[in-house]
Amino acid sequence: MTRNDFTSLVNKAVELYMGSFEQFDSNPQIKINPATLTIQLVNGSEMETDIEYSDEAIEEAAGAETPEYEDAMDAQARQNPDFYAVKHLLKKDAEGKATIDEAAVEEIVNIYFK
């Protein structure tokens, strides 16, 4: 995936939210798998569930008894998703209409494409 492709996917997720914001809770999130760069638009409640799962995987890896098991858990930990609040990716234009904050999107893209 290229930087431009990834930027486009983030923008599409924000656009999806703007077009159907009533379908989401008060804390919509963009969920990114750092290993695959897949992107999903999710509710904040899903973020909380995923964080709990990630914490459990990390605790399990810390107690690993064999190198193979530890490697498997480390691979899982690398796929723990990152979350970004959609509200931080929006700004108001001169007319008060919500638009994508390109600078905020660029900050996220810079995390994955240096």
PDB file of N, CA and C in Angstrom:
ATOM      1  N   MET A   1       0.842  -1.165   0.000  1.00  0.00           N
ATOM      2  CA  MET A   1       0.000   0.000   0.000  1.00  0.00           C
ATOM      3  C   MET A   1       0.898   1.243   0.000  1.00  0.00           C
ATOM      4  N   THR A   2       0.516   2.217  -0.781  1.00  0.00           N
ATOM      5  CA  THR A   2       1.285   3.452  -0.836  1.00  0.00           C
ATOM      6  C   THR A   2       0.759   4.460   0.172  1.00  0.00           C
ATOM      7  N   ARG A   3       1.536   5.476   0.402  1.00  0.00           N
ATOM      8  CA  ARG A   3       1.135   6.563   1.294  1.00  0.00           C
ATOM      9  C   ARG A   3      -0.171   7.204   0.807  1.00  0.00           C
ATOM     10  N   ASN A   4      -0.263   7.428  -0.509  1.00  0.00           N
ATOM     11  CA  ASN A   4      -1.474   8.040  -1.073  1.00  0.00           C
ATOM     12  C   ASN A   4      -2.690   7.146  -0.895  1.00  0.00           C
ATOM     13  N   ASP A   5      -2.508   5.837  -1.086  1.00  0.00           N
ATOM     14  CA  ASP A   5      -3.617   4.896  -0.890  1.00  0.00           C
ATOM     15  C   ASP A   5      -4.099   4.945   0.555  1.00  0.00           C
ATOM     16  N   PHE A   6      -3.163   4.940   1.482  1.00  0.00           N
ATOM     17  CA  PHE A   6      -3.509   4.959   2.900  1.00  0.00           C
ATOM     18  C   PHE A   6      -4.224   6.266   3.268  1.00  0.00           C
ATOM     19  N   THR A   7      -3.711   7.384   2.777  1.00  0.00           N
ATOM     20  CA  THR A   7      -4.353   8.677   3.028  1.00  0.00           C
ATOM     21  C   THR A   7      -5.780   8.669   2.502  1.00  0.00           C
ATOM     22  N   SER A   8      -5.954   8.120   1.333  1.00  0.00           N
ATOM     23  CA  SER A   8      -7.285   8.033   0.731  1.00  0.00           C
ATOM     24  C   SER A   8      -8.233   7.200   1.592  1.00  0.00           C
ATOM     25  N   LEU A   9      -7.735   6.090   2.138  1.00  0.00           N
ATOM     26  CA  LEU A   9      -8.572   5.240   2.985  1.00  0.00           C
ATOM     27  C   LEU A   9      -8.985   5.952   4.277  1.00  0.00           C
ATOM     28  N   VAL A  10      -8.069   6.692   4.871  1.00  0.00           N
ATOM     29  CA  VAL A  10      -8.413   7.452   6.081  1.00  0.00           C
ATOM     30  C   VAL A  10      -9.474   8.494   5.737  1.00  0.00           C
ATOM     31  N   ASN A  11      -9.264   9.210   4.642  1.00  0.00           N
ATOM     32  CA  ASN A  11     -10.242  10.220   4.225  1.00  0.00           C
ATOM     33  C   ASN A  11     -11.612   9.600   3.949  1.00  0.00           C
ATOM     34  N   LYS A  12     -11.637   8.440   3.319  1.00  0.00           N
ATOM     35  CA  LYS A  12     -12.913   7.773   3.036  1.00  0.00           C
ATOM     36  C   LYS A  12     -13.622   7.378   4.319  1.00  0.00           C
ATOM     37  N   ALA A  13     -12.875   6.954   5.320  1.00  0.00           N
ATOM     38  CA  ALA A  13     -13.491   6.605   6.601  1.00  0.00           C
ATOM     39  C   ALA A  13     -14.120   7.832   7.248  1.00  0.00           C
ATOM     40  N   VAL A  14     -13.439   8.960   7.191  1.00  0.00           N
ATOM     41  CA  VAL A  14     -13.986  10.202   7.749  1.00  0.00           C
ATOM     42  C   VAL A  14     -15.219  10.628   6.953  1.00  0.00           C
ATOM     43  N   GLU A  15     -15.155  10.520   5.645  1.00  0.00           N
ATOM     44  CA  GLU A  15     -16.299  10.856   4.801  1.00  0.00           C
ATOM     45  C   GLU A  15     -17.491   9.953   5.106  1.00  0.00           C
ATOM     46  N   LEU A  16     -17.230   8.674   5.342  1.00  0.00           N
ATOM     47  CA  LEU A  16     -18.298   7.742   5.700  1.00  0.00           C
ATOM     48  C   LEU A  16     -18.980   8.201   6.980  1.00  0.00           C
ATOM     49  N   TYR A  17     -18.196   8.608   7.956  1.00  0.00           N
ATOM     50  CA  TYR A  17     -18.769   9.114   9.197  1.00  0.00           C
ATOM     51  C   TYR A  17     -19.611  10.363   8.936  1.00  0.00           C
ATOM     52  N   MET A  18     -19.081  11.293   8.157  1.00  0.00           N
ATOM     53  CA  MET A  18     -19.799  12.538   7.892  1.00  0.00           C
ATOM     54  C   MET A  18     -21.121  12.276   7.168  1.00  0.00           C
ATOM     55  N   GLY A  19     -21.165  11.230   6.367  1.00  0.00           N
ATOM     56  CA  GLY A  19     -22.376  10.911   5.620  1.00  0.00           C
ATOM     57  C   GLY A  19     -23.393  10.100   6.400  1.00  0.00           C
ATOM     58  N   SER A  20     -22.975   9.535   7.525  1.00  0.00           N
ATOM     59  CA  SER A  20     -23.904   8.692   8.297  1.00  0.00           C
ATOM     60  C   SER A  20     -23.580   8.744   9.787  1.00  0.00           C
ATOM     61  N   PHE A  21     -23.302   9.937  10.284  1.00  0.00           N
ATOM     62  CA  PHE A  21     -22.876  10.088  11.676  1.00  0.00           C
ATOM     63  C   PHE A  21     -23.893   9.566  12.675  1.00  0.00           C
ATOM     64  N   GLU A  22     -25.164   9.544  12.309  1.00  0.00           N
ATOM     65  CA  GLU A  22     -26.201   9.079  13.232  1.00  0.00           C
ATOM     66  C   GLU A  22     -26.096   7.584  13.526  1.00  0.00           C
ATOM     67  N   GLN A  23     -25.324   6.858  12.744  1.00  0.00           N
ATOM     68  CA  GLN A  23     -25.157   5.418  12.949  1.00  0.00           C
ATOM     69  C   GLN A  23     -24.077   5.091  13.983  1.00  0.00           C
ATOM     70  N   PHE A  24     -23.387   6.117  14.474  1.00  0.00           N
ATOM     71  CA  PHE A  24     -22.275   5.897  15.386  1.00  0.00           C
ATOM     72  C   PHE A  24     -22.563   6.502  16.750  1.00  0.00           C
ATOM     73  N   ASP A  25     -21.843   6.012  17.757  1.00  0.00           N
ATOM     74  CA  ASP A  25     -22.010   6.558  19.098  1.00  0.00           C
ATOM     75  C   ASP A  25     -21.293   7.904  19.199  1.00  0.00           C
ATOM     76  N   SER A  26     -21.184   8.420  20.405  1.00  0.00           N
ATOM     77  CA  SER A  26     -20.631   9.760  20.591  1.00  0.00           C
ATOM     78  C   SER A  26     -19.104   9.814  20.485  1.00  0.00           C
ATOM     79  N   ASN A  27     -18.464   8.657  20.310  1.00  0.00           N
ATOM     80  CA  ASN A  27     -17.002   8.622  20.243  1.00  0.00           C
ATOM     81  C   ASN A  27     -16.528   7.739  19.087  1.00  0.00           C
ATOM     82  N   PRO A  28     -16.897   8.072  17.838  1.00  0.00           N
ATOM     83  CA  PRO A  28     -16.479   7.227  16.714  1.00  0.00           C
ATOM     84  C   PRO A  28     -14.961   7.244  16.566  1.00  0.00           C
ATOM     85  N   GLN A  29     -14.428   6.111  16.127  1.00  0.00           N
ATOM     86  CA  GLN A  29     -12.987   5.930  16.027  1.00  0.00           C
ATOM     87  C   GLN A  29     -12.608   5.349  14.666  1.00  0.00           C
ATOM     88  N   ILE A  30     -11.439   5.734  14.199  1.00  0.00           N
ATOM     89  CA  ILE A  30     -10.837   5.043  13.060  1.00  0.00           C
ATOM     90  C   ILE A  30      -9.883   4.021  13.666  1.00  0.00           C
ATOM     91  N   LYS A  31     -10.102   2.766  13.312  1.00  0.00           N
ATOM     92  CA  LYS A  31      -9.321   1.642  13.837  1.00  0.00           C
ATOM     93  C   LYS A  31      -8.341   1.207  12.750  1.00  0.00           C
ATOM     94  N   ILE A  32      -7.053   1.194  13.085  1.00  0.00           N
ATOM     95  CA  ILE A  32      -6.021   0.814  12.111  1.00  0.00           C
ATOM     96  C   ILE A  32      -5.213  -0.353  12.659  1.00  0.00           C
ATOM     97  N   ASN A  33      -5.105  -1.407  11.865  1.00  0.00           N
ATOM     98  CA  ASN A  33      -4.235  -2.521  12.200  1.00  0.00           C
ATOM     99  C   ASN A  33      -2.845  -2.142  11.699  1.00  0.00           C
ATOM    100  N   PRO A  34      -1.888  -1.919  12.604  1.00  0.00           N
ATOM    101  CA  PRO A  34      -0.561  -1.463  12.167  1.00  0.00           C
ATOM    102  C   PRO A  34       0.201  -2.478  11.326  1.00  0.00           C
ATOM    103  N   ALA A  35      -0.135  -3.757  11.445  1.00  0.00           N
ATOM    104  CA  ALA A  35       0.576  -4.780  10.675  1.00  0.00           C
ATOM    105  C   ALA A  35       0.085  -4.847   9.234  1.00  0.00           C
ATOM    106  N   THR A  36      -1.208  -4.618   9.019  1.00  0.00           N
ATOM    107  CA  THR A  36      -1.787  -4.752   7.681  1.00  0.00           C
ATOM    108  C   THR A  36      -2.247  -3.431   7.077  1.00  0.00           C
ATOM    109  N   LEU A  37      -2.320  -2.397   7.919  1.00  0.00           N
ATOM    110  CA  LEU A  37      -2.822  -1.075   7.540  1.00  0.00           C
ATOM    111  C   LEU A  37      -4.286  -1.088   7.108  1.00  0.00           C
ATOM    112  N   THR A  38      -5.033  -2.082   7.554  1.00  0.00           N
ATOM    113  CA  THR A  38      -6.464  -2.064   7.297  1.00  0.00           C
ATOM    114  C   THR A  38      -7.116  -1.030   8.200  1.00  0.00           C
ATOM    115  N   ILE A  39      -8.170  -0.431   7.681  1.00  0.00           N
ATOM    116  CA  ILE A  39      -8.852   0.664   8.372  1.00  0.00           C
ATOM    117  C   ILE A  39     -10.331   0.331   8.499  1.00  0.00           C
ATOM    118  N   GLN A  40     -10.879   0.616   9.682  1.00  0.00           N
ATOM    119  CA  GLN A  40     -12.311   0.461   9.917  1.00  0.00           C
ATOM    120  C   GLN A  40     -12.809   1.678  10.674  1.00  0.00           C
ATOM    121  N   LEU A  41     -14.052   2.034  10.456  1.00  0.00           N
ATOM    122  CA  LEU A  41     -14.716   3.065  11.231  1.00  0.00           C
ATOM    123  C   LEU A  41     -15.586   2.340  12.248  1.00  0.00           C
ATOM    124  N   VAL A  42     -15.345   2.581  13.540  1.00  0.00           N
ATOM    125  CA  VAL A  42     -16.035   1.835  14.593  1.00  0.00           C
ATOM    126  C   VAL A  42     -16.553   2.781  15.674  1.00  0.00           C
ATOM    127  N   ASN A  43     -17.439   2.258  16.499  1.00  0.00           N
ATOM    128  CA  ASN A  43     -17.919   2.986  17.662  1.00  0.00           C
ATOM    129  C   ASN A  43     -16.871   2.951  18.765  1.00  0.00           C
ATOM    130  N   GLY A  44     -16.940   3.917  19.644  1.00  0.00           N
ATOM    131  CA  GLY A  44     -16.013   3.968  20.771  1.00  0.00           C
ATOM    132  C   GLY A  44     -16.109   2.740  21.655  1.00  0.00           C
ATOM    133  N   SER A  45     -17.291   2.152  21.762  1.00  0.00           N
ATOM    134  CA  SER A  45     -17.458   0.955  22.592  1.00  0.00           C
ATOM    135  C   SER A  45     -16.641  -0.210  22.046  1.00  0.00           C
ATOM    136  N   GLU A  46     -16.515  -0.311  20.730  1.00  0.00           N
ATOM    137  CA  GLU A  46     -15.694  -1.369  20.140  1.00  0.00           C
ATOM    138  C   GLU A  46     -14.222  -1.141  20.464  1.00  0.00           C
ATOM    139  N   MET A  47     -13.823   0.117  20.500  1.00  0.00           N
ATOM    140  CA  MET A  47     -12.447   0.440  20.851  1.00  0.00           C
ATOM    141  C   MET A  47     -12.143  -0.080  22.256  1.00  0.00           C
ATOM    142  N   GLU A  48     -13.035   0.144  23.192  1.00  0.00           N
ATOM    143  CA  GLU A  48     -12.814  -0.302  24.569  1.00  0.00           C
ATOM    144  C   GLU A  48     -12.673  -1.820  24.646  1.00  0.00           C
ATOM    145  N   THR A  49     -13.492  -2.537  23.894  1.00  0.00           N
ATOM    146  CA  THR A  49     -13.421  -4.001  23.868  1.00  0.00           C
ATOM    147  C   THR A  49     -12.091  -4.463  23.285  1.00  0.00           C
ATOM    148  N   ASP A  50     -11.661  -3.834  22.198  1.00  0.00           N
ATOM    149  CA  ASP A  50     -10.393  -4.215  21.562  1.00  0.00           C
ATOM    150  C   ASP A  50      -9.208  -3.926  22.472  1.00  0.00           C
ATOM    151  N   ILE A  51      -9.260  -2.839  23.217  1.00  0.00           N
ATOM    152  CA  ILE A  51      -8.170  -2.514  24.129  1.00  0.00           C
ATOM    153  C   ILE A  51      -8.082  -3.563  25.237  1.00  0.00           C
ATOM    154  N   GLU A  52      -9.225  -3.992  25.748  1.00  0.00           N
ATOM    155  CA  GLU A  52      -9.226  -5.041  26.776  1.00  0.00           C
ATOM    156  C   GLU A  52      -8.604  -6.327  26.224  1.00  0.00           C
ATOM    157  N   TYR A  53      -8.976  -6.692  25.003  1.00  0.00           N
ATOM    158  CA  TYR A  53      -8.437  -7.893  24.373  1.00  0.00           C
ATOM    159  C   TYR A  53      -6.929  -7.770  24.185  1.00  0.00           C
ATOM    160  N   SER A  54      -6.472  -6.597  23.746  1.00  0.00           N
ATOM    161  CA  SER A  54      -5.043  -6.363  23.540  1.00  0.00           C
ATOM    162  C   SER A  54      -4.278  -6.469  24.850  1.00  0.00           C
ATOM    163  N   ASP A  55      -4.844  -5.905  25.909  1.00  0.00           N
ATOM    164  CA  ASP A  55      -4.202  -5.981  27.220  1.00  0.00           C
ATOM    165  C   ASP A  55      -4.069  -7.431  27.687  1.00  0.00           C
ATOM    166  N   GLU A  56      -5.103  -8.217  27.442  1.00  0.00           N
ATOM    167  CA  GLU A  56      -5.052  -9.637  27.817  1.00  0.00           C
ATOM    168  C   GLU A  56      -3.967 -10.361  27.039  1.00  0.00           C
ATOM    169  N   ALA A  57      -3.842 -10.068  25.753  1.00  0.00           N
ATOM    170  CA  ALA A  57      -2.822 -10.723  24.920  1.00  0.00           C
ATOM    171  C   ALA A  57      -1.425 -10.365  25.412  1.00  0.00           C
ATOM    172  N   ILE A  58      -1.229  -9.113  25.800  1.00  0.00           N
ATOM    173  CA  ILE A  58       0.080  -8.686  26.296  1.00  0.00           C
ATOM    174  C   ILE A  58       0.402  -9.373  27.618  1.00  0.00           C
ATOM    175  N   GLU A  59      -0.582  -9.470  28.503  1.00  0.00           N
ATOM    176  CA  GLU A  59      -0.363 -10.149  29.789  1.00  0.00           C
ATOM    177  C   GLU A  59      -0.038 -11.629  29.569  1.00  0.00           C
ATOM    178  N   GLU A  60      -0.730 -12.234  28.609  1.00  0.00           N
ATOM    179  CA  GLU A  60      -0.490 -13.640  28.311  1.00  0.00           C
ATOM    180  C   GLU A  60       0.920 -13.832  27.749  1.00  0.00           C
ATOM    181  N   ALA A  61       1.349 -12.907  26.887  1.00  0.00           N
ATOM    182  CA  ALA A  61       2.691 -13.005  26.311  1.00  0.00           C
ATOM    183  C   ALA A  61       3.752 -12.847  27.388  1.00  0.00           C
ATOM    184  N   ALA A  62       3.470 -12.013  28.372  1.00  0.00           N
ATOM    185  CA  ALA A  62       4.443 -11.797  29.450  1.00  0.00           C
ATOM    186  C   ALA A  62       4.659 -13.070  30.265  1.00  0.00           C
ATOM    187  N   GLY A  63       3.633 -13.910  30.332  1.00  0.00           N
ATOM    188  CA  GLY A  63       3.753 -15.148  31.091  1.00  0.00           C
ATOM    189  C   GLY A  63       4.074 -16.348  30.227  1.00  0.00           C
ATOM    190  N   ALA A  64       4.496 -16.126  29.009  1.00  0.00           N
ATOM    191  CA  ALA A  64       4.775 -17.224  28.076  1.00  0.00           C
ATOM    192  C   ALA A  64       5.891 -18.113  28.614  1.00  0.00           C
ATOM    193  N   GLU A  65       5.715 -19.418  28.379  1.00  0.00           N
ATOM    194  CA  GLU A  65       6.684 -20.385  28.890  1.00  0.00           C
ATOM    195  C   GLU A  65       7.644 -20.896  27.836  1.00  0.00           C
ATOM    196  N   THR A  66       7.287 -20.773  26.558  1.00  0.00           N
ATOM    197  CA  THR A  66       8.169 -21.266  25.508  1.00  0.00           C
ATOM    198  C   THR A  66       8.451 -20.145  24.507  1.00  0.00           C
ATOM    199  N   PRO A  67       9.601 -20.193  23.862  1.00  0.00           N
ATOM    200  CA  PRO A  67       9.912 -19.160  22.863  1.00  0.00           C
ATOM    201  C   PRO A  67       8.902 -19.124  21.714  1.00  0.00           C
ATOM    202  N   GLU A  68       8.394 -20.285  21.302  1.00  0.00           N
ATOM    203  CA  GLU A  68       7.437 -20.346  20.197  1.00  0.00           C
ATOM    204  C   GLU A  68       6.143 -19.638  20.577  1.00  0.00           C
ATOM    205  N   TYR A  69       5.682 -19.891  21.778  1.00  0.00           N
ATOM    206  CA  TYR A  69       4.444 -19.276  22.250  1.00  0.00           C
ATOM    207  C   TYR A  69       4.641 -17.766  22.386  1.00  0.00           C
ATOM    208  N   GLU A  70       5.785 -17.385  22.904  1.00  0.00           N
ATOM    209  CA  GLU A  70       6.084 -15.962  23.064  1.00  0.00           C
ATOM    210  C   GLU A  70       6.126 -15.268  21.703  1.00  0.00           C
ATOM    211  N   ASP A  71       6.725 -15.919  20.699  1.00  0.00           N
ATOM    212  CA  ASP A  71       6.761 -15.348  19.356  1.00  0.00           C
ATOM    213  C   ASP A  71       5.352 -15.172  18.797  1.00  0.00           C
ATOM    214  N   ALA A  72       4.492 -16.158  19.006  1.00  0.00           N
ATOM    215  CA  ALA A  72       3.116 -16.078  18.522  1.00  0.00           C
ATOM    216  C   ALA A  72       2.370 -14.929  19.192  1.00  0.00           C
ATOM    217  N   MET A  73       2.569 -14.772  20.473  1.00  0.00           N
ATOM    218  CA  MET A  73       1.895 -13.697  21.192  1.00  0.00           C
ATOM    219  C   MET A  73       2.457 -12.335  20.784  1.00  0.00           C
ATOM    220  N   ASP A  74       3.756 -12.265  20.527  1.00  0.00           N
ATOM    221  CA  ASP A  74       4.344 -11.014  20.057  1.00  0.00           C
ATOM    222  C   ASP A  74       3.770 -10.639  18.694  1.00  0.00           C
ATOM    223  N   ALA A  75       3.572 -11.616  17.825  1.00  0.00           N
ATOM    224  CA  ALA A  75       2.973 -11.357  16.517  1.00  0.00           C
ATOM    225  C   ALA A  75       1.562 -10.827  16.686  1.00  0.00           C
ATOM    226  N   GLN A  76       0.834 -11.391  17.623  1.00  0.00           N
ATOM    227  CA  GLN A  76      -0.520 -10.905  17.895  1.00  0.00           C
ATOM    228  C   GLN A  76      -0.476  -9.471  18.409  1.00  0.00           C
ATOM    229  N   ALA A  77       0.456  -9.190  19.302  1.00  0.00           N
ATOM    230  CA  ALA A  77       0.559  -7.847  19.876  1.00  0.00           C
ATOM    231  C   ALA A  77       0.866  -6.808  18.801  1.00  0.00           C
ATOM    232  N   ARG A  78       1.638  -7.188  17.773  1.00  0.00           N
ATOM    233  CA  ARG A  78       1.947  -6.255  16.692  1.00  0.00           C
ATOM    234  C   ARG A  78       0.701  -5.899  15.889  1.00  0.00           C
ATOM    235  N   GLN A  79      -0.323  -6.740  15.967  1.00  0.00           N
ATOM    236  CA  GLN A  79      -1.554  -6.476  15.234  1.00  0.00           C
ATOM    237  C   GLN A  79      -2.606  -5.778  16.095  1.00  0.00           C
ATOM    238  N   ASN A  80      -2.260  -5.482  17.329  1.00  0.00           N
ATOM    239  CA  ASN A  80      -3.202  -4.750  18.166  1.00  0.00           C
ATOM    240  C   ASN A  80      -3.513  -3.424  17.490  1.00  0.00           C
ATOM    241  N   PRO A  81      -4.796  -3.108  17.350  1.00  0.00           N
ATOM    242  CA  PRO A  81      -5.165  -1.917  16.585  1.00  0.00           C
ATOM    243  C   PRO A  81      -4.839  -0.611  17.300  1.00  0.00           C
ATOM    244  N   ASP A  82      -4.640   0.400  16.479  1.00  0.00           N
ATOM    245  CA  ASP A  82      -4.511   1.773  16.948  1.00  0.00           C
ATOM    246  C   ASP A  82      -5.850   2.454  16.686  1.00  0.00           C
ATOM    247  N   PHE A  83      -6.213   3.383  17.554  1.00  0.00           N
ATOM    248  CA  PHE A  83      -7.482   4.085  17.414  1.00  0.00           C
ATOM    249  C   PHE A  83      -7.250   5.588  17.370  1.00  0.00           C
ATOM    250  N   TYR A  84      -8.037   6.253  16.515  1.00  0.00           N
ATOM    251  CA  TYR A  84      -7.963   7.696  16.364  1.00  0.00           C
ATOM    252  C   TYR A  84      -9.380   8.245  16.348  1.00  0.00           C
ATOM    253  N   ALA A  85      -9.644   9.202  17.208  1.00  0.00           N
ATOM    254  CA  ALA A  85     -10.976   9.795  17.288  1.00  0.00           C
ATOM    255  C   ALA A  85     -11.302  10.548  16.000  1.00  0.00           C
ATOM    256  N   VAL A  86     -12.431  10.208  15.413  1.00  0.00           N
ATOM    257  CA  VAL A  86     -12.853  10.865  14.176  1.00  0.00           C
ATOM    258  C   VAL A  86     -13.043  12.366  14.417  1.00  0.00           C
ATOM    259  N   LYS A  87     -13.513  12.734  15.584  1.00  0.00           N
ATOM    260  CA  LYS A  87     -13.758  14.150  15.878  1.00  0.00           C
ATOM    261  C   LYS A  87     -12.489  14.988  15.742  1.00  0.00           C
ATOM    262  N   HIS A  88     -11.327  14.386  15.960  1.00  0.00           N
ATOM    263  CA  HIS A  88     -10.071  15.113  15.822  1.00  0.00           C
ATOM    264  C   HIS A  88      -9.630  15.244  14.367  1.00  0.00           C
ATOM    265  N   LEU A  89     -10.356  14.595  13.473  1.00  0.00           N
ATOM    266  CA  LEU A  89     -10.017  14.652  12.049  1.00  0.00           C
ATOM    267  C   LEU A  89     -10.975  15.549  11.272  1.00  0.00           C
ATOM    268  N   LEU A  90     -11.794  16.281  12.017  1.00  0.00           N
ATOM    269  CA  LEU A  90     -12.764  17.198  11.411  1.00  0.00           C
ATOM    270  C   LEU A  90     -12.455  18.629  11.810  1.00  0.00           C
ATOM    271  N   LYS A  91     -12.814  19.533  10.935  1.00  0.00           N
ATOM    272  CA  LYS A  91     -12.735  20.957  11.256  1.00  0.00           C
ATOM    273  C   LYS A  91     -13.928  21.629  10.582  1.00  0.00           C
ATOM    274  N   LYS A  92     -14.198  22.843  10.987  1.00  0.00           N
ATOM    275  CA  LYS A  92     -15.308  23.609  10.386  1.00  0.00           C
ATOM    276  C   LYS A  92     -14.737  24.572   9.362  1.00  0.00           C
ATOM    277  N   ASP A  93     -15.411  24.668   8.219  1.00  0.00           N
ATOM    278  CA  ASP A  93     -14.984  25.635   7.214  1.00  0.00           C
ATOM    279  C   ASP A  93     -15.582  27.007   7.550  1.00  0.00           C
ATOM    280  N   ALA A  94     -15.378  27.972   6.686  1.00  0.00           N
ATOM    281  CA  ALA A  94     -15.833  29.344   6.937  1.00  0.00           C
ATOM    282  C   ALA A  94     -17.349  29.430   7.100  1.00  0.00           C
ATOM    283  N   GLU A  95     -18.063  28.488   6.513  1.00  0.00           N
ATOM    284  CA  GLU A  95     -19.525  28.479   6.603  1.00  0.00           C
ATOM    285  C   GLU A  95     -20.030  27.646   7.778  1.00  0.00           C
ATOM    286  N   GLY A  96     -19.110  27.076   8.553  1.00  0.00           N
ATOM    287  CA  GLY A  96     -19.496  26.267   9.705  1.00  0.00           C
ATOM    288  C   GLY A  96     -19.779  24.816   9.377  1.00  0.00           C
ATOM    289  N   LYS A  97     -19.491  24.412   8.160  1.00  0.00           N
ATOM    290  CA  LYS A  97     -19.716  23.032   7.723  1.00  0.00           C
ATOM    291  C   LYS A  97     -18.498  22.174   8.084  1.00  0.00           C
ATOM    292  N   ALA A  98     -18.747  20.956   8.553  1.00  0.00           N
ATOM    293  CA  ALA A  98     -17.650  20.039   8.896  1.00  0.00           C
ATOM    294  C   ALA A  98     -16.949  19.567   7.630  1.00  0.00           C
ATOM    295  N   THR A  99     -15.616  19.605   7.679  1.00  0.00           N
ATOM    296  CA  THR A  99     -14.791  19.105   6.580  1.00  0.00           C
ATOM    297  C   THR A  99     -13.640  18.304   7.179  1.00  0.00           C
ATOM    298  N   ILE A 100     -12.944  17.591   6.324  1.00  0.00           N
ATOM    299  CA  ILE A 100     -11.801  16.808   6.778  1.00  0.00           C
ATOM    300  C   ILE A 100     -10.643  17.749   7.088  1.00  0.00           C
ATOM    301  N   ASP A 101     -10.025  17.555   8.225  1.00  0.00           N
ATOM    302  CA  ASP A 101      -8.834  18.317   8.613  1.00  0.00           C
ATOM    303  C   ASP A 101      -7.629  17.593   8.022  1.00  0.00           C
ATOM    304  N   GLU A 102      -7.188  18.071   6.872  1.00  0.00           N
ATOM    305  CA  GLU A 102      -6.098  17.403   6.142  1.00  0.00           C
ATOM    306  C   GLU A 102      -4.818  17.324   6.972  1.00  0.00           C
ATOM    307  N   ALA A 103      -4.540  18.337   7.769  1.00  0.00           N
ATOM    308  CA  ALA A 103      -3.333  18.320   8.603  1.00  0.00           C
ATOM    309  C   ALA A 103      -3.410  17.220   9.649  1.00  0.00           C
ATOM    310  N   ALA A 104      -4.580  17.025  10.235  1.00  0.00           N
ATOM    311  CA  ALA A 104      -4.752  15.972  11.243  1.00  0.00           C
ATOM    312  C   ALA A 104      -4.629  14.593  10.606  1.00  0.00           C
ATOM    313  N   VAL A 105      -5.182  14.433   9.411  1.00  0.00           N
ATOM    314  CA  VAL A 105      -5.047  13.161   8.688  1.00  0.00           C
ATOM    315  C   VAL A 105      -3.580  12.905   8.379  1.00  0.00           C
ATOM    316  N   GLU A 106      -2.880  13.933   7.962  1.00  0.00           N
ATOM    317  CA  GLU A 106      -1.460  13.798   7.619  1.00  0.00           C
ATOM    318  C   GLU A 106      -0.644  13.349   8.828  1.00  0.00           C
ATOM    319  N   GLU A 107      -0.997  13.821  10.017  1.00  0.00           N
ATOM    320  CA  GLU A 107      -0.294  13.395  11.227  1.00  0.00           C
ATOM    321  C   GLU A 107      -0.432  11.884  11.430  1.00  0.00           C
ATOM    322  N   ILE A 108      -1.613  11.353  11.173  1.00  0.00           N
ATOM    323  CA  ILE A 108      -1.811   9.895  11.306  1.00  0.00           C
ATOM    324  C   ILE A 108      -1.011   9.161  10.235  1.00  0.00           C
ATOM    325  N   VAL A 109      -1.080   9.634   9.016  1.00  0.00           N
ATOM    326  CA  VAL A 109      -0.359   8.996   7.908  1.00  0.00           C
ATOM    327  C   VAL A 109       1.132   8.969   8.210  1.00  0.00           C
ATOM    328  N   ASN A 110       1.650  10.029   8.792  1.00  0.00           N
ATOM    329  CA  ASN A 110       3.086  10.102   9.112  1.00  0.00           C
ATOM    330  C   ASN A 110       3.514   9.034  10.122  1.00  0.00           C
ATOM    331  N   ILE A 111       2.604   8.561  10.921  1.00  0.00           N
ATOM    332  CA  ILE A 111       2.923   7.500  11.889  1.00  0.00           C
ATOM    333  C   ILE A 111       3.278   6.206  11.150  1.00  0.00           C
ATOM    334  N   TYR A 112       2.581   5.933  10.075  1.00  0.00           N
ATOM    335  CA  TYR A 112       2.754   4.666   9.365  1.00  0.00           C
ATOM    336  C   TYR A 112       3.665   4.782   8.133  1.00  0.00           C
ATOM    337  N   PHE A 113       3.832   5.990   7.631  1.00  0.00           N
ATOM    338  CA  PHE A 113       4.692   6.231   6.474  1.00  0.00           C
ATOM    339  C   PHE A 113       5.624   7.384   6.811  1.00  0.00           C
ATOM    340  N   LYS A 114       6.822   7.039   7.218  1.00  0.00           N
ATOM    341  CA  LYS A 114       7.778   8.070   7.648  1.00  0.00           C
ATOM    342  C   LYS A 114       8.493   8.688   6.479  1.00  0.00           C
TER     343      LYS A 114
END
